[in-house]
Amino acid sequence: MKEHKYYFFDKSAIGKRIKAIRESFDCTMEQFGRLVGTTKVAVYNWETGKRFPSDDSLEWIALLGKKTVEWIIYGDIEEYVLSLSIIESPIYTQVKDFYTNHHANNSSLFERYEKATTETRTDMVKQVVNDYARRNLLIYSQLKHIFDSFMSTMEDALSKQDTVELPDELKNSLSKIKKKNLSEKGIDSLLESIRAYLEY
């Protein structure tokens, strides 16, 4: 298996998982390198995310760590997919780059997704996770389909939003106002003030 055969991954996270396996043996980098048939420098490059292990090395590391190669590459599948809700995550960035490079009209979809609240983004991704988990398909071999499903879920959810998505700060302010238990007249007055402010 070569690096380009995997979908979207974070070399830094791969390095941390390899380091955790090495440390579970209480090995130095040099000792661990000998175990998997390579050098201390190679182990250092993997752990720091500078290089991607060879197929043979990945197999040996997985065997030693009692993990799968896919786990070394992606980590926990649910956490991996949920990282799509974090717009700063390397996984989200790679997915965005891939889908916008292959379909130019996806750029506006990702712009709208990034403007949505963290809660809204998390809900969209959880919908995909729950759908695949319910069908026992939240597995590494389904990642391509999971990404496609994420795209269609995002498109459906964002197209159904007829109203402006409120930023978290505004929601917090509205919660404080709600606690004041305004009368109908007080609410109307507040809405008029907001409208006048926005038109100014």
C-alpha atoms as a PDB file:
ATOM      1  CA  MET A   1       0.000   0.000   0.000  1.00  0.00           C
ATOM      2  CA  LYS A   2       1.387   3.368  -0.961  1.00  0.00           C
ATOM      3  CA  GLU A   3       0.723   6.790   0.540  1.00  0.00           C
ATOM      4  CA  HIS A   4      -1.365   7.892  -2.462  1.00  0.00           C
ATOM      5  CA  LYS A   5      -3.692   4.894  -2.047  1.00  0.00           C
ATOM      6  CA  TYR A   6      -5.065   6.290   1.206  1.00  0.00           C
ATOM      7  CA  TYR A   7      -7.761   8.906   1.208  1.00  0.00           C
ATOM      8  CA  PHE A   8      -7.202  11.853   3.513  1.00  0.00           C
ATOM      9  CA  PHE A   9      -4.823  11.579   6.448  1.00  0.00           C
ATOM     10  CA  ASP A  10      -2.772  13.603   8.881  1.00  0.00           C
ATOM     11  CA  LYS A  11       0.926  12.620   8.892  1.00  0.00           C
ATOM     12  CA  SER A  12       1.382  14.250  12.285  1.00  0.00           C
ATOM     13  CA  ALA A  13      -1.409  12.100  13.794  1.00  0.00           C
ATOM     14  CA  ILE A  14       0.060   8.996  12.123  1.00  0.00           C
ATOM     15  CA  GLY A  15       3.390   9.854  13.756  1.00  0.00           C
ATOM     16  CA  LYS A  16       1.758  10.130  17.182  1.00  0.00           C
ATOM     17  CA  ARG A  17       0.129   6.720  16.785  1.00  0.00           C
ATOM     18  CA  ILE A  18       3.448   5.147  15.735  1.00  0.00           C
ATOM     19  CA  LYS A  19       5.180   6.812  18.681  1.00  0.00           C
ATOM     20  CA  ALA A  20       2.525   5.458  21.064  1.00  0.00           C
ATOM     21  CA  ILE A  21       3.129   1.942  19.749  1.00  0.00           C
ATOM     22  CA  ARG A  22       6.913   2.355  20.065  1.00  0.00           C
ATOM     23  CA  GLU A  23       6.598   3.703  23.610  1.00  0.00           C
ATOM     24  CA  SER A  24       4.326   0.801  24.572  1.00  0.00           C
ATOM     25  CA  PHE A  25       7.426  -1.394  24.030  1.00  0.00           C
ATOM     26  CA  ASP A  26       9.610   1.048  25.977  1.00  0.00           C
ATOM     27  CA  CYS A  27      11.936   1.145  22.943  1.00  0.00           C
ATOM     28  CA  THR A  28      14.274   3.818  21.734  1.00  0.00           C
ATOM     29  CA  MET A  29      13.834   4.903  18.130  1.00  0.00           C
ATOM     30  CA  GLU A  30      16.873   2.860  17.218  1.00  0.00           C
ATOM     31  CA  GLN A  31      15.539  -0.300  18.890  1.00  0.00           C
ATOM     32  CA  PHE A  32      12.117   0.134  17.309  1.00  0.00           C
ATOM     33  CA  GLY A  33      13.751   0.701  13.932  1.00  0.00           C
ATOM     34  CA  ARG A  34      15.506  -2.655  14.257  1.00  0.00           C
ATOM     35  CA  LEU A  35      12.207  -4.336  15.156  1.00  0.00           C
ATOM     36  CA  VAL A  36      10.549  -3.111  11.957  1.00  0.00           C
ATOM     37  CA  GLY A  37      13.643  -3.444   9.767  1.00  0.00           C
ATOM     38  CA  THR A  38      14.625   0.199   9.375  1.00  0.00           C
ATOM     39  CA  THR A  39      16.723   2.955  10.957  1.00  0.00           C
ATOM     40  CA  LYS A  40      16.395   5.390  13.834  1.00  0.00           C
ATOM     41  CA  VAL A  41      16.218   8.242  11.306  1.00  0.00           C
ATOM     42  CA  ALA A  42      13.275   6.607   9.523  1.00  0.00           C
ATOM     43  CA  VAL A  43      11.398   6.175  12.825  1.00  0.00           C
ATOM     44  CA  TYR A  44      12.101   9.823  13.698  1.00  0.00           C
ATOM     45  CA  ASN A  45      10.779  10.942  10.298  1.00  0.00           C
ATOM     46  CA  TRP A  46       7.582   8.921  10.751  1.00  0.00           C
ATOM     47  CA  GLU A  47       6.965  10.161  14.283  1.00  0.00           C
ATOM     48  CA  THR A  48       7.461  13.785  13.296  1.00  0.00           C
ATOM     49  CA  GLY A  49       5.223  13.456  10.238  1.00  0.00           C
ATOM     50  CA  LYS A  50       8.028  14.125   7.775  1.00  0.00           C
ATOM     51  CA  ARG A  51       7.809  10.774   6.006  1.00  0.00           C
ATOM     52  CA  PHE A  52       5.231   8.099   5.352  1.00  0.00           C
ATOM     53  CA  PRO A  53       6.211   4.512   6.300  1.00  0.00           C
ATOM     54  CA  SER A  54       6.655   1.909   3.575  1.00  0.00           C
ATOM     55  CA  ASP A  55       4.081  -0.851   3.143  1.00  0.00           C
ATOM     56  CA  ASP A  56       6.309  -3.369   4.923  1.00  0.00           C
ATOM     57  CA  SER A  57       6.978  -0.992   7.807  1.00  0.00           C
ATOM     58  CA  LEU A  58       3.282  -0.243   8.225  1.00  0.00           C
ATOM     59  CA  GLU A  59       2.519  -3.967   8.341  1.00  0.00           C
ATOM     60  CA  TRP A  60       5.219  -4.568  10.972  1.00  0.00           C
ATOM     61  CA  ILE A  61       4.135  -1.604  13.100  1.00  0.00           C
ATOM     62  CA  ALA A  62       0.503  -2.762  12.956  1.00  0.00           C
ATOM     63  CA  LEU A  63       1.511  -6.305  13.886  1.00  0.00           C
ATOM     64  CA  LEU A  64       3.640  -5.125  16.819  1.00  0.00           C
ATOM     65  CA  GLY A  65       0.958  -2.737  18.049  1.00  0.00           C
ATOM     66  CA  LYS A  66      -1.841  -5.300  17.584  1.00  0.00           C
ATOM     67  CA  LYS A  67      -3.614  -2.754  15.388  1.00  0.00           C
ATOM     68  CA  THR A  68      -4.582  -2.569  11.743  1.00  0.00           C
ATOM     69  CA  VAL A  69      -2.692  -0.565   9.140  1.00  0.00           C
ATOM     70  CA  GLU A  70      -5.890   1.478   8.693  1.00  0.00           C
ATOM     71  CA  TRP A  71      -5.883   2.370  12.393  1.00  0.00           C
ATOM     72  CA  ILE A  72      -2.308   3.621  12.076  1.00  0.00           C
ATOM     73  CA  ILE A  73      -3.322   5.779   9.092  1.00  0.00           C
ATOM     74  CA  TYR A  74      -6.718   7.036  10.279  1.00  0.00           C
ATOM     75  CA  GLY A  75      -7.000   6.338  14.010  1.00  0.00           C
ATOM     76  CA  ASP A  76     -10.444   5.768  15.491  1.00  0.00           C
ATOM     77  CA  ILE A  77     -12.892   5.834  12.570  1.00  0.00           C
ATOM     78  CA  GLU A  78     -15.605   7.794  14.395  1.00  0.00           C
ATOM     79  CA  GLU A  79     -13.190  10.467  15.644  1.00  0.00           C
ATOM     80  CA  TYR A  80     -11.682  10.625  12.164  1.00  0.00           C
ATOM     81  CA  VAL A  81     -15.033  11.302  10.476  1.00  0.00           C
ATOM     82  CA  LEU A  82     -16.126  13.712  13.223  1.00  0.00           C
ATOM     83  CA  SER A  83     -13.005  15.801  12.496  1.00  0.00           C
ATOM     84  CA  LEU A  84     -14.851  16.976   9.350  1.00  0.00           C
ATOM     85  CA  SER A  85     -16.768  19.363  11.615  1.00  0.00           C
ATOM     86  CA  ILE A  86     -13.512  21.125  12.576  1.00  0.00           C
ATOM     87  CA  ILE A  87     -12.665  23.468   9.707  1.00  0.00           C
ATOM     88  CA  GLU A  88      -9.049  23.811  10.873  1.00  0.00           C
ATOM     89  CA  SER A  89      -8.421  20.054  10.826  1.00  0.00           C
ATOM     90  CA  PRO A  90      -6.049  18.616   8.194  1.00  0.00           C
ATOM     91  CA  ILE A  91      -8.701  16.054   7.219  1.00  0.00           C
ATOM     92  CA  TYR A  92     -11.354  18.711   6.538  1.00  0.00           C
ATOM     93  CA  THR A  93      -8.834  20.800   4.568  1.00  0.00           C
ATOM     94  CA  GLN A  94      -7.894  17.835   2.356  1.00  0.00           C
ATOM     95  CA  VAL A  95     -11.538  16.879   1.770  1.00  0.00           C
ATOM     96  CA  LYS A  96     -12.365  20.476   0.871  1.00  0.00           C
ATOM     97  CA  ASP A  97      -9.406  20.728  -1.523  1.00  0.00           C
ATOM     98  CA  PHE A  98     -10.312  17.444  -3.214  1.00  0.00           C
ATOM     99  CA  TYR A  99     -14.000  18.215  -3.713  1.00  0.00           C
ATOM    100  CA  THR A 100     -13.459  21.830  -4.815  1.00  0.00           C
ATOM    101  CA  ASN A 101     -10.712  20.834  -7.274  1.00  0.00           C
ATOM    102  CA  HIS A 102     -12.929  18.188  -8.854  1.00  0.00           C
ATOM    103  CA  HIS A 103     -16.147  20.207  -8.793  1.00  0.00           C
ATOM    104  CA  ALA A 104     -15.772  23.989  -8.901  1.00  0.00           C
ATOM    105  CA  ASN A 105     -19.363  24.586  -7.784  1.00  0.00           C
ATOM    106  CA  ASN A 106     -18.516  22.973  -4.417  1.00  0.00           C
ATOM    107  CA  SER A 107     -16.557  26.094  -3.390  1.00  0.00           C
ATOM    108  CA  SER A 108     -19.693  28.003  -2.412  1.00  0.00           C
ATOM    109  CA  LEU A 109     -20.990  24.950  -0.540  1.00  0.00           C
ATOM    110  CA  PHE A 110     -17.832  24.831   1.588  1.00  0.00           C
ATOM    111  CA  GLU A 111     -18.008  28.604   2.156  1.00  0.00           C
ATOM    112  CA  ARG A 112     -21.538  28.211   3.516  1.00  0.00           C
ATOM    113  CA  TYR A 113     -20.477  25.239   5.628  1.00  0.00           C
ATOM    114  CA  GLU A 114     -17.652  27.252   7.176  1.00  0.00           C
ATOM    115  CA  LYS A 115     -20.044  30.098   8.014  1.00  0.00           C
ATOM    116  CA  ALA A 116     -22.383  27.712   9.856  1.00  0.00           C
ATOM    117  CA  THR A 117     -22.043  27.428  13.619  1.00  0.00           C
ATOM    118  CA  THR A 118     -19.889  24.728  15.172  1.00  0.00           C
ATOM    119  CA  GLU A 119     -23.077  23.100  16.467  1.00  0.00           C
ATOM    120  CA  THR A 120     -24.625  22.980  12.986  1.00  0.00           C
ATOM    121  CA  ARG A 121     -21.463  21.519  11.424  1.00  0.00           C
ATOM    122  CA  THR A 122     -21.181  18.926  14.181  1.00  0.00           C
ATOM    123  CA  ASP A 123     -24.844  17.944  13.719  1.00  0.00           C
ATOM    124  CA  MET A 124     -24.311  17.419   9.979  1.00  0.00           C
ATOM    125  CA  VAL A 125     -21.264  15.206  10.500  1.00  0.00           C
ATOM    126  CA  LYS A 126     -22.941  13.276  13.342  1.00  0.00           C
ATOM    127  CA  GLN A 127     -25.857  12.569  11.010  1.00  0.00           C
ATOM    128  CA  VAL A 128     -23.440  10.869   8.597  1.00  0.00           C
ATOM    129  CA  VAL A 129     -21.650   8.974  11.414  1.00  0.00           C
ATOM    130  CA  ASN A 130     -24.936   7.775  12.915  1.00  0.00           C
ATOM    131  CA  ASP A 131     -26.299   6.710   9.534  1.00  0.00           C
ATOM    132  CA  TYR A 132     -23.237   4.573   8.758  1.00  0.00           C
ATOM    133  CA  ALA A 133     -22.974   3.239  12.329  1.00  0.00           C
ATOM    134  CA  ARG A 134     -26.648   2.193  12.282  1.00  0.00           C
ATOM    135  CA  ARG A 135     -25.992   0.150   9.142  1.00  0.00           C
ATOM    136  CA  ASN A 136     -22.710  -1.266  10.547  1.00  0.00           C
ATOM    137  CA  LEU A 137     -20.846   0.497   7.749  1.00  0.00           C
ATOM    138  CA  LEU A 138     -18.742   2.895   9.820  1.00  0.00           C
ATOM    139  CA  ILE A 139     -15.620   1.076   8.667  1.00  0.00           C
ATOM    140  CA  TYR A 140     -12.417   2.071   6.906  1.00  0.00           C
ATOM    141  CA  SER A 141     -13.342   0.418   3.601  1.00  0.00           C
ATOM    142  CA  GLN A 142     -16.377   2.718   3.367  1.00  0.00           C
ATOM    143  CA  LEU A 143     -14.469   6.008   3.692  1.00  0.00           C
ATOM    144  CA  LYS A 144     -14.985   7.070   0.057  1.00  0.00           C
ATOM    145  CA  HIS A 145     -18.743   6.577   0.457  1.00  0.00           C
ATOM    146  CA  ILE A 146     -18.701   8.338   3.826  1.00  0.00           C
ATOM    147  CA  PHE A 147     -17.059  11.403   2.258  1.00  0.00           C
ATOM    148  CA  ASP A 148     -19.608  11.418  -0.574  1.00  0.00           C
ATOM    149  CA  SER A 149     -22.395  11.098   1.979  1.00  0.00           C
ATOM    150  CA  PHE A 150     -20.897  14.008   3.943  1.00  0.00           C
ATOM    151  CA  MET A 151     -21.047  16.127   0.786  1.00  0.00           C
ATOM    152  CA  SER A 152     -24.693  15.286   0.039  1.00  0.00           C
ATOM    153  CA  THR A 153     -25.716  15.736   3.708  1.00  0.00           C
ATOM    154  CA  MET A 154     -23.981  19.111   3.783  1.00  0.00           C
ATOM    155  CA  GLU A 155     -25.691  20.177   0.557  1.00  0.00           C
ATOM    156  CA  ASP A 156     -29.140  19.041   1.757  1.00  0.00           C
ATOM    157  CA  ALA A 157     -28.819  20.630   5.187  1.00  0.00           C
ATOM    158  CA  LEU A 158     -27.498  23.953   3.898  1.00  0.00           C
ATOM    159  CA  SER A 159     -30.071  24.200   1.097  1.00  0.00           C
ATOM    160  CA  LYS A 160     -32.891  23.735   3.647  1.00  0.00           C
ATOM    161  CA  GLN A 161     -31.744  26.720   5.650  1.00  0.00           C
ATOM    162  CA  ASP A 162     -34.154  29.470   4.678  1.00  0.00           C
ATOM    163  CA  THR A 163     -33.086  31.713   7.505  1.00  0.00           C
ATOM    164  CA  VAL A 164     -29.731  33.248   8.281  1.00  0.00           C
ATOM    165  CA  GLU A 165     -27.632  31.035  10.539  1.00  0.00           C
ATOM    166  CA  LEU A 166     -27.135  32.916  13.792  1.00  0.00           C
ATOM    167  CA  PRO A 167     -23.554  33.194  15.025  1.00  0.00           C
ATOM    168  CA  ASP A 168     -22.849  31.708  18.471  1.00  0.00           C
ATOM    169  CA  GLU A 169     -22.291  35.183  19.968  1.00  0.00           C
ATOM    170  CA  LEU A 170     -25.733  36.348  18.844  1.00  0.00           C
ATOM    171  CA  LYS A 171     -27.343  33.164  20.166  1.00  0.00           C
ATOM    172  CA  ASN A 172     -25.756  33.855  23.559  1.00  0.00           C
ATOM    173  CA  SER A 173     -27.099  37.408  23.551  1.00  0.00           C
ATOM    174  CA  LEU A 174     -30.577  36.198  22.574  1.00  0.00           C
ATOM    175  CA  SER A 175     -30.504  33.654  25.415  1.00  0.00           C
ATOM    176  CA  LYS A 176     -29.881  36.501  27.875  1.00  0.00           C
ATOM    177  CA  ILE A 177     -32.772  38.468  26.380  1.00  0.00           C
ATOM    178  CA  LYS A 178     -35.023  35.396  26.544  1.00  0.00           C
ATOM    179  CA  LYS A 179     -34.378  35.084  30.295  1.00  0.00           C
ATOM    180  CA  LYS A 180     -35.934  38.550  30.761  1.00  0.00           C
ATOM    181  CA  ASN A 181     -39.348  37.097  29.763  1.00  0.00           C
ATOM    182  CA  LEU A 182     -40.344  40.028  27.576  1.00  0.00           C
ATOM    183  CA  SER A 183     -44.017  40.603  26.818  1.00  0.00           C
ATOM    184  CA  GLU A 184     -45.310  40.492  23.212  1.00  0.00           C
ATOM    185  CA  LYS A 185     -45.112  44.287  23.164  1.00  0.00           C
ATOM    186  CA  GLY A 186     -41.537  44.187  24.495  1.00  0.00           C
ATOM    187  CA  ILE A 187     -40.528  41.665  21.803  1.00  0.00           C
ATOM    188  CA  ASP A 188     -42.107  43.817  19.062  1.00  0.00           C
ATOM    189  CA  SER A 189     -40.260  46.849  20.367  1.00  0.00           C
ATOM    190  CA  LEU A 190     -36.969  44.931  20.466  1.00  0.00           C
ATOM    191  CA  LEU A 191     -37.462  43.701  16.871  1.00  0.00           C
ATOM    192  CA  GLU A 192     -38.184  47.246  15.685  1.00  0.00           C
ATOM    193  CA  SER A 193     -34.982  48.441  17.360  1.00  0.00           C
ATOM    194  CA  ILE A 194     -32.973  45.656  15.705  1.00  0.00           C
ATOM    195  CA  ARG A 195     -34.525  46.403  12.297  1.00  0.00           C
ATOM    196  CA  ALA A 196     -33.777  50.126  12.673  1.00  0.00           C
ATOM    197  CA  TYR A 197     -30.192  49.313  13.695  1.00  0.00           C
ATOM    198  CA  LEU A 198     -29.643  47.041  10.685  1.00  0.00           C
ATOM    199  CA  GLU A 199     -31.142  49.534   8.235  1.00  0.00           C
ATOM    200  CA  TYR A 200     -29.004  52.389   9.542  1.00  0.00           C
END
